Amino acid sequence: MRTLVVVTVLVALLAGAMAVACQGWFAFEAVDIGFHGTLALVLGVSLSLFVGIGLMSLVFFSSRSGRDNIADWHRQGAAGPEDDP
């Protein structure tokens, strides 16, 4: 039951965000975006998504592989980098 409520709220938020995006998009229908503007928009969004997805993938990979355990020295009670002689 709790999962159903969470999914329903998330779908409602997504629908609201899409409604606001569509309203904003169609509010400026008098503005003409040429081919180069459309190309720049598509490339910019695609590149931003690619970089974001790639960086988040690296974060999850690093977390699961244990490579970032060295940076977690303060939680393990070990001596930190500033304690080195």
PDB file of N, CA and C in Angstrom:
ATOM      1  N   MET A   1       0.822  -1.194   0.000  1.00  0.00           N
ATOM      2  CA  MET A   1       0.000   0.000   0.000  1.00  0.00           C
ATOM      3  C   MET A   1       0.866   1.259   0.000  1.00  0.00           C
ATOM      4  N   ARG A   2       1.928   1.216   0.821  1.00  0.00           N
ATOM      5  CA  ARG A   2       2.805   2.382   0.893  1.00  0.00           C
ATOM      6  C   ARG A   2       3.509   2.636  -0.442  1.00  0.00           C
ATOM      7  N   THR A   3       3.910   1.551  -1.101  1.00  0.00           N
ATOM      8  CA  THR A   3       4.576   1.670  -2.395  1.00  0.00           C
ATOM      9  C   THR A   3       3.631   2.278  -3.427  1.00  0.00           C
ATOM     10  N   LEU A   4       2.380   1.892  -3.390  1.00  0.00           N
ATOM     11  CA  LEU A   4       1.390   2.434  -4.320  1.00  0.00           C
ATOM     12  C   LEU A   4       1.215   3.942  -4.127  1.00  0.00           C
ATOM     13  N   VAL A   5       1.217   4.386  -2.888  1.00  0.00           N
ATOM     14  CA  VAL A   5       1.083   5.817  -2.605  1.00  0.00           C
ATOM     15  C   VAL A   5       2.302   6.573  -3.126  1.00  0.00           C
ATOM     16  N   VAL A   6       3.487   6.034  -2.894  1.00  0.00           N
ATOM     17  CA  VAL A   6       4.716   6.690  -3.352  1.00  0.00           C
ATOM     18  C   VAL A   6       4.741   6.772  -4.877  1.00  0.00           C
ATOM     19  N   VAL A   7       4.403   5.681  -5.542  1.00  0.00           N
ATOM     20  CA  VAL A   7       4.397   5.671  -7.004  1.00  0.00           C
ATOM     21  C   VAL A   7       3.352   6.646  -7.538  1.00  0.00           C
ATOM     22  N   THR A   8       2.190   6.690  -6.915  1.00  0.00           N
ATOM     23  CA  THR A   8       1.139   7.614  -7.351  1.00  0.00           C
ATOM     24  C   THR A   8       1.582   9.060  -7.208  1.00  0.00           C
ATOM     25  N   VAL A   9       2.209   9.386  -6.094  1.00  0.00           N
ATOM     26  CA  VAL A   9       2.685  10.759  -5.886  1.00  0.00           C
ATOM     27  C   VAL A   9       3.770  11.109  -6.901  1.00  0.00           C
ATOM     28  N   LEU A  10       4.687  10.193  -7.164  1.00  0.00           N
ATOM     29  CA  LEU A  10       5.749  10.470  -8.133  1.00  0.00           C
ATOM     30  C   LEU A  10       5.203  10.638  -9.550  1.00  0.00           C
ATOM     31  N   VAL A  11       4.223   9.823  -9.925  1.00  0.00           N
ATOM     32  CA  VAL A  11       3.607   9.956 -11.248  1.00  0.00           C
ATOM     33  C   VAL A  11       2.859  11.284 -11.348  1.00  0.00           C
ATOM     34  N   ALA A  12       2.192  11.685 -10.272  1.00  0.00           N
ATOM     35  CA  ALA A  12       1.490  12.970 -10.277  1.00  0.00           C
ATOM     36  C   ALA A  12       2.473  14.136 -10.406  1.00  0.00           C
ATOM     37  N   LEU A  13       3.607  14.058  -9.710  1.00  0.00           N
ATOM     38  CA  LEU A  13       4.628  15.101  -9.832  1.00  0.00           C
ATOM     39  C   LEU A  13       5.212  15.153 -11.242  1.00  0.00           C
ATOM     40  N   LEU A  14       5.438  13.994 -11.839  1.00  0.00           N
ATOM     41  CA  LEU A  14       5.944  13.949 -13.206  1.00  0.00           C
ATOM     42  C   LEU A  14       4.935  14.558 -14.178  1.00  0.00           C
ATOM     43  N   ALA A  15       3.666  14.225 -14.003  1.00  0.00           N
ATOM     44  CA  ALA A  15       2.624  14.772 -14.874  1.00  0.00           C
ATOM     45  C   ALA A  15       2.531  16.289 -14.707  1.00  0.00           C
ATOM     46  N   GLY A  16       2.648  16.761 -13.495  1.00  0.00           N
ATOM     47  CA  GLY A  16       2.628  18.207 -13.259  1.00  0.00           C
ATOM     48  C   GLY A  16       3.816  18.909 -13.893  1.00  0.00           C
ATOM     49  N   ALA A  17       4.986  18.311 -13.764  1.00  0.00           N
ATOM     50  CA  ALA A  17       6.180  18.908 -14.374  1.00  0.00           C
ATOM     51  C   ALA A  17       6.058  18.939 -15.891  1.00  0.00           C
ATOM     52  N   MET A  18       5.505  17.872 -16.457  1.00  0.00           N
ATOM     53  CA  MET A  18       5.319  17.846 -17.912  1.00  0.00           C
ATOM     54  C   MET A  18       4.286  18.875 -18.347  1.00  0.00           C
ATOM     55  N   ALA A  19       3.233  19.080 -17.558  1.00  0.00           N
ATOM     56  CA  ALA A  19       2.216  20.083 -17.895  1.00  0.00           C
ATOM     57  C   ALA A  19       2.811  21.485 -17.871  1.00  0.00           C
ATOM     58  N   VAL A  20       3.627  21.774 -16.868  1.00  0.00           N
ATOM     59  CA  VAL A  20       4.266  23.089 -16.784  1.00  0.00           C
ATOM     60  C   VAL A  20       5.253  23.278 -17.936  1.00  0.00           C
ATOM     61  N   ALA A  21       6.002  22.235 -18.286  1.00  0.00           N
ATOM     62  CA  ALA A  21       6.949  22.324 -19.396  1.00  0.00           C
ATOM     63  C   ALA A  21       6.222  22.565 -20.712  1.00  0.00           C
ATOM     64  N   CYS A  22       5.113  21.863 -20.937  1.00  0.00           N
ATOM     65  CA  CYS A  22       4.344  22.058 -22.172  1.00  0.00           C
ATOM     66  C   CYS A  22       3.732  23.450 -22.225  1.00  0.00           C
ATOM     67  N   GLN A  23       3.235  23.920 -21.101  1.00  0.00           N
ATOM     68  CA  GLN A  23       2.658  25.265 -21.062  1.00  0.00           C
ATOM     69  C   GLN A  23       3.728  26.314 -21.382  1.00  0.00           C
ATOM     70  N   GLY A  24       4.911  26.144 -20.811  1.00  0.00           N
ATOM     71  CA  GLY A  24       5.997  27.071 -21.104  1.00  0.00           C
ATOM     72  C   GLY A  24       6.459  26.984 -22.547  1.00  0.00           C
ATOM     73  N   TRP A  25       6.479  25.785 -23.106  1.00  0.00           N
ATOM     74  CA  TRP A  25       6.912  25.603 -24.491  1.00  0.00           C
ATOM     75  C   TRP A  25       5.941  26.275 -25.459  1.00  0.00           C
ATOM     76  N   PHE A  26       4.647  26.054 -25.249  1.00  0.00           N
ATOM     77  CA  PHE A  26       3.652  26.594 -26.175  1.00  0.00           C
ATOM     78  C   PHE A  26       3.313  28.055 -25.907  1.00  0.00           C
ATOM     79  N   ALA A  27       3.760  28.615 -24.793  1.00  0.00           N
ATOM     80  CA  ALA A  27       3.519  30.030 -24.509  1.00  0.00           C
ATOM     81  C   ALA A  27       4.342  30.913 -25.436  1.00  0.00           C
ATOM     82  N   PHE A  28       5.421  30.406 -25.965  1.00  0.00           N
ATOM     83  CA  PHE A  28       6.309  31.184 -26.825  1.00  0.00           C
ATOM     84  C   PHE A  28       6.221  30.715 -28.273  1.00  0.00           C
ATOM     85  N   GLU A  29       5.033  30.454 -28.754  1.00  0.00           N
ATOM     86  CA  GLU A  29       4.901  29.949 -30.120  1.00  0.00           C
ATOM     87  C   GLU A  29       5.200  31.015 -31.171  1.00  0.00           C
ATOM     88  N   ALA A  30       5.220  32.274 -30.775  1.00  0.00           N
ATOM     89  CA  ALA A  30       5.556  33.335 -31.726  1.00  0.00           C
ATOM     90  C   ALA A  30       7.062  33.389 -31.983  1.00  0.00           C
ATOM     91  N   VAL A  31       7.851  32.764 -31.119  1.00  0.00           N
ATOM     92  CA  VAL A  31       9.299  32.747 -31.276  1.00  0.00           C
ATOM     93  C   VAL A  31       9.667  31.645 -32.258  1.00  0.00           C
ATOM     94  N   ASP A  32      10.421  31.999 -33.282  1.00  0.00           N
ATOM     95  CA  ASP A  32      10.816  31.032 -34.287  1.00  0.00           C
ATOM     96  C   ASP A  32      12.249  30.587 -34.019  1.00  0.00           C
ATOM     97  N   ILE A  33      12.409  29.319 -33.765  1.00  0.00           N
ATOM     98  CA  ILE A  33      13.746  28.752 -33.576  1.00  0.00           C
ATOM     99  C   ILE A  33      14.126  28.091 -34.893  1.00  0.00           C
ATOM    100  N   GLY A  34      15.206  28.537 -35.466  1.00  0.00           N
ATOM    101  CA  GLY A  34      15.653  27.982 -36.735  1.00  0.00           C
ATOM    102  C   GLY A  34      16.299  26.616 -36.559  1.00  0.00           C
ATOM    103  N   PHE A  35      16.825  26.131 -37.665  1.00  0.00           N
ATOM    104  CA  PHE A  35      17.468  24.816 -37.655  1.00  0.00           C
ATOM    105  C   PHE A  35      18.644  24.769 -36.693  1.00  0.00           C
ATOM    106  N   HIS A  36      19.485  25.803 -36.725  1.00  0.00           N
ATOM    107  CA  HIS A  36      20.669  25.811 -35.874  1.00  0.00           C
ATOM    108  C   HIS A  36      20.295  25.921 -34.395  1.00  0.00           C
ATOM    109  N   GLY A  37      19.246  26.665 -34.087  1.00  0.00           N
ATOM    110  CA  GLY A  37      18.782  26.750 -32.704  1.00  0.00           C
ATOM    111  C   GLY A  37      18.248  25.420 -32.207  1.00  0.00           C
ATOM    112  N   THR A  38      17.476  24.747 -33.045  1.00  0.00           N
ATOM    113  CA  THR A  38      16.952  23.424 -32.679  1.00  0.00           C
ATOM    114  C   THR A  38      18.081  22.420 -32.517  1.00  0.00           C
ATOM    115  N   LEU A  39      19.041  22.470 -33.413  1.00  0.00           N
ATOM    116  CA  LEU A  39      20.194  21.578 -33.330  1.00  0.00           C
ATOM    117  C   LEU A  39      20.979  21.830 -32.043  1.00  0.00           C
ATOM    118  N   ALA A  40      21.192  23.095 -31.705  1.00  0.00           N
ATOM    119  CA  ALA A  40      21.910  23.432 -30.474  1.00  0.00           C
ATOM    120  C   ALA A  40      21.130  22.968 -29.246  1.00  0.00           C
ATOM    121  N   LEU A  41      19.819  23.120 -29.276  1.00  0.00           N
ATOM    122  CA  LEU A  41      18.987  22.676 -28.160  1.00  0.00           C
ATOM    123  C   LEU A  41      19.065  21.167 -27.978  1.00  0.00           C
ATOM    124  N   VAL A  42      18.935  20.437 -29.068  1.00  0.00           N
ATOM    125  CA  VAL A  42      18.980  18.972 -28.993  1.00  0.00           C
ATOM    126  C   VAL A  42      20.362  18.497 -28.554  1.00  0.00           C
ATOM    127  N   LEU A  43      21.412  19.062 -29.119  1.00  0.00           N
ATOM    128  CA  LEU A  43      22.764  18.660 -28.732  1.00  0.00           C
ATOM    129  C   LEU A  43      23.074  19.030 -27.277  1.00  0.00           C
ATOM    130  N   GLY A  44      22.630  20.195 -26.837  1.00  0.00           N
ATOM    131  CA  GLY A  44      22.870  20.609 -25.458  1.00  0.00           C
ATOM    132  C   GLY A  44      22.174  19.712 -24.454  1.00  0.00           C
ATOM    133  N   VAL A  45      20.912  19.390 -24.716  1.00  0.00           N
ATOM    134  CA  VAL A  45      20.179  18.504 -23.812  1.00  0.00           C
ATOM    135  C   VAL A  45      20.794  17.103 -23.828  1.00  0.00           C
ATOM    136  N   SER A  46      21.115  16.600 -25.014  1.00  0.00           N
ATOM    137  CA  SER A  46      21.701  15.262 -25.118  1.00  0.00           C
ATOM    138  C   SER A  46      23.043  15.184 -24.408  1.00  0.00           C
ATOM    139  N   LEU A  47      23.887  16.178 -24.609  1.00  0.00           N
ATOM    140  CA  LEU A  47      25.200  16.178 -23.970  1.00  0.00           C
ATOM    141  C   LEU A  47      25.065  16.292 -22.454  1.00  0.00           C
ATOM    142  N   SER A  48      24.144  17.118 -21.981  1.00  0.00           N
ATOM    143  CA  SER A  48      23.937  17.253 -20.541  1.00  0.00           C
ATOM    144  C   SER A  48      23.449  15.947 -19.927  1.00  0.00           C
ATOM    145  N   LEU A  49      22.525  15.278 -20.595  1.00  0.00           N
ATOM    146  CA  LEU A  49      22.055  13.985 -20.110  1.00  0.00           C
ATOM    147  C   LEU A  49      23.178  12.955 -20.115  1.00  0.00           C
ATOM    148  N   PHE A  50      23.965  12.942 -21.175  1.00  0.00           N
ATOM    149  CA  PHE A  50      25.077  11.997 -21.289  1.00  0.00           C
ATOM    150  C   PHE A  50      26.080  12.201 -20.153  1.00  0.00           C
ATOM    151  N   VAL A  51      26.448  13.441 -19.888  1.00  0.00           N
ATOM    152  CA  VAL A  51      27.408  13.728 -18.819  1.00  0.00           C
ATOM    153  C   VAL A  51      26.809  13.376 -17.456  1.00  0.00           C
ATOM    154  N   GLY A  52      25.552  13.742 -17.224  1.00  0.00           N
ATOM    155  CA  GLY A  52      24.916  13.442 -15.946  1.00  0.00           C
ATOM    156  C   GLY A  52      24.793  11.956 -15.696  1.00  0.00           C
ATOM    157  N   ILE A  53      24.338  11.218 -16.689  1.00  0.00           N
ATOM    158  CA  ILE A  53      24.198   9.770 -16.539  1.00  0.00           C
ATOM    159  C   ILE A  53      25.573   9.120 -16.364  1.00  0.00           C
ATOM    160  N   GLY A  54      26.557   9.585 -17.107  1.00  0.00           N
ATOM    161  CA  GLY A  54      27.903   9.028 -16.983  1.00  0.00           C
ATOM    162  C   GLY A  54      28.504   9.271 -15.608  1.00  0.00           C
ATOM    163  N   LEU A  55      28.361  10.473 -15.083  1.00  0.00           N
ATOM    164  CA  LEU A  55      28.923  10.764 -13.763  1.00  0.00           C
ATOM    165  C   LEU A  55      28.204  10.003 -12.660  1.00  0.00           C
ATOM    166  N   MET A  56      26.885   9.891 -12.745  1.00  0.00           N
ATOM    167  CA  MET A  56      26.155   9.124 -11.737  1.00  0.00           C
ATOM    168  C   MET A  56      26.515   7.643 -11.818  1.00  0.00           C
ATOM    169  N   SER A  57      26.751   7.139 -13.020  1.00  0.00           N
ATOM    170  CA  SER A  57      27.181   5.748 -13.167  1.00  0.00           C
ATOM    171  C   SER A  57      28.540   5.534 -12.503  1.00  0.00           C
ATOM    172  N   LEU A  58      29.430   6.484 -12.671  1.00  0.00           N
ATOM    173  CA  LEU A  58      30.738   6.381 -12.028  1.00  0.00           C
ATOM    174  C   LEU A  58      30.629   6.430 -10.507  1.00  0.00           C
ATOM    175  N   VAL A  59      29.713   7.250  -9.993  1.00  0.00           N
ATOM    176  CA  VAL A  59      29.515   7.319  -8.543  1.00  0.00           C
ATOM    177  C   VAL A  59      29.042   5.979  -8.011  1.00  0.00           C
ATOM    178  N   PHE A  60      28.050   5.375  -8.657  1.00  0.00           N
ATOM    179  CA  PHE A  60      27.544   4.088  -8.194  1.00  0.00           C
ATOM    180  C   PHE A  60      28.587   2.988  -8.365  1.00  0.00           C
ATOM    181  N   PHE A  61      29.330   3.006  -9.457  1.00  0.00           N
ATOM    182  CA  PHE A  61      30.372   2.000  -9.670  1.00  0.00           C
ATOM    183  C   PHE A  61      31.454   2.119  -8.601  1.00  0.00           C
ATOM    184  N   SER A  62      31.859   3.341  -8.298  1.00  0.00           N
ATOM    185  CA  SER A  62      32.886   3.560  -7.293  1.00  0.00           C
ATOM    186  C   SER A  62      32.409   3.109  -5.917  1.00  0.00           C
ATOM    187  N   SER A  63      31.163   3.381  -5.608  1.00  0.00           N
ATOM    188  CA  SER A  63      30.620   2.999  -4.310  1.00  0.00           C
ATOM    189  C   SER A  63      30.548   1.485  -4.160  1.00  0.00           C
ATOM    190  N   ARG A  64      30.149   0.806  -5.208  1.00  0.00           N
ATOM    191  CA  ARG A  64      30.000  -0.650  -5.129  1.00  0.00           C
ATOM    192  C   ARG A  64      31.326  -1.387  -5.201  1.00  0.00           C
ATOM    193  N   SER A  65      32.319  -0.804  -5.856  1.00  0.00           N
ATOM    194  CA  SER A  65      33.596  -1.498  -5.994  1.00  0.00           C
ATOM    195  C   SER A  65      34.501  -1.304  -4.790  1.00  0.00           C
ATOM    196  N   GLY A  66      34.157  -0.377  -3.905  1.00  0.00           N
ATOM    197  CA  GLY A  66      34.963  -0.149  -2.714  1.00  0.00           C
ATOM    198  C   GLY A  66      36.126   0.785  -2.930  1.00  0.00           C
ATOM    199  N   ARG A  67      36.204   1.418  -4.059  1.00  0.00           N
ATOM    200  CA  ARG A  67      37.337   2.305  -4.346  1.00  0.00           C
ATOM    201  C   ARG A  67      37.301   3.593  -3.529  1.00  0.00           C
ATOM    202  N   ASP A  68      36.142   3.944  -2.993  1.00  0.00           N
ATOM    203  CA  ASP A  68      36.060   5.168  -2.210  1.00  0.00           C
ATOM    204  C   ASP A  68      36.149   4.900  -0.713  1.00  0.00           C
ATOM    205  N   ASN A  69      36.519   3.690  -0.305  1.00  0.00           N
ATOM    206  CA  ASN A  69      36.673   3.397   1.118  1.00  0.00           C
ATOM    207  C   ASN A  69      37.839   4.148   1.730  1.00  0.00           C
ATOM    208  N   ILE A  70      38.847   4.465   0.940  1.00  0.00           N
ATOM    209  CA  ILE A  70      39.996   5.212   1.439  1.00  0.00           C
ATOM    210  C   ILE A  70      39.559   6.599   1.895  1.00  0.00           C
ATOM    211  N   ALA A  71      38.591   7.190   1.230  1.00  0.00           N
ATOM    212  CA  ALA A  71      38.121   8.516   1.592  1.00  0.00           C
ATOM    213  C   ALA A  71      37.235   8.494   2.831  1.00  0.00           C
ATOM    214  N   ASP A  72      36.909   7.311   3.335  1.00  0.00           N
ATOM    215  CA  ASP A  72      36.023   7.158   4.476  1.00  0.00           C
ATOM    216  C   ASP A  72      36.807   6.834   5.750  1.00  0.00           C
ATOM    217  N   TRP A  73      38.019   7.337   5.866  1.00  0.00           N
ATOM    218  CA  TRP A  73      38.898   6.996   6.984  1.00  0.00           C
ATOM    219  C   TRP A  73      38.376   7.534   8.304  1.00  0.00           C
ATOM    220  N   HIS A  74      37.674   8.656   8.300  1.00  0.00           N
ATOM    221  CA  HIS A  74      37.216   9.257   9.552  1.00  0.00           C
ATOM    222  C   HIS A  74      36.107   8.438  10.208  1.00  0.00           C
ATOM    223  N   ARG A  75      35.357   7.667   9.451  1.00  0.00           N
ATOM    224  CA  ARG A  75      34.310   6.823  10.034  1.00  0.00           C
ATOM    225  C   ARG A  75      34.872   5.516  10.573  1.00  0.00           C
ATOM    226  N   GLN A  76      36.019   5.116  10.082  1.00  0.00           N
ATOM    227  CA  GLN A  76      36.599   3.848  10.497  1.00  0.00           C
ATOM    228  C   GLN A  76      37.531   4.011  11.695  1.00  0.00           C
ATOM    229  N   GLY A  77      37.768   5.242  12.116  1.00  0.00           N
ATOM    230  CA  GLY A  77      38.638   5.475  13.260  1.00  0.00           C
ATOM    231  C   GLY A  77      40.114   5.384  12.933  1.00  0.00           C
ATOM    232  N   ALA A  78      40.447   5.363  11.680  1.00  0.00           N
ATOM    233  CA  ALA A  78      41.854   5.282  11.280  1.00  0.00           C
ATOM    234  C   ALA A  78      42.475   6.670  11.301  1.00  0.00           C
ATOM    235  N   ALA A  79      43.778   6.697  11.225  1.00  0.00           N
ATOM    236  CA  ALA A  79      44.490   7.963  11.159  1.00  0.00           C
ATOM    237  C   ALA A  79      44.247   8.611   9.805  1.00  0.00           C
ATOM    238  N   GLY A  80      44.009   9.883   9.814  1.00  0.00           N
ATOM    239  CA  GLY A  80      43.727  10.608   8.593  1.00  0.00           C
ATOM    240  C   GLY A  80      44.978  11.077   7.901  1.00  0.00           C
ATOM    241  N   PRO A  81      44.838  11.676   6.739  1.00  0.00           N
ATOM    242  CA  PRO A  81      46.005  12.146   5.987  1.00  0.00           C
ATOM    243  C   PRO A  81      46.797  13.214   6.746  1.00  0.00           C
ATOM    244  N   GLU A  82      46.104  14.022   7.559  1.00  0.00           N
ATOM    245  CA  GLU A  82      46.829  15.076   8.279  1.00  0.00           C
ATOM    246  C   GLU A  82      47.594  14.515   9.477  1.00  0.00           C
ATOM    247  N   ASP A  83      47.316  13.262   9.884  1.00  0.00           N
ATOM    248  CA  ASP A  83      48.025  12.639  10.985  1.00  0.00           C
ATOM    249  C   ASP A  83      49.313  11.967  10.580  1.00  0.00           C
ATOM    250  N   ASP A  84      49.589  11.911   9.279  1.00  0.00           N
ATOM    251  CA  ASP A  84      50.818  11.287   8.792  1.00  0.00           C
ATOM    252  C   ASP A  84      52.021  12.133   9.183  1.00  0.00           C
ATOM    253  N   PRO A  85      53.119  11.482   9.583  1.00  0.00           N
ATOM    254  CA  PRO A  85      54.329  12.254   9.967  1.00  0.00           C
ATOM    255  C   PRO A  85      55.037  12.858   8.797  1.00  0.00           C
TER     256      PRO A  85
END
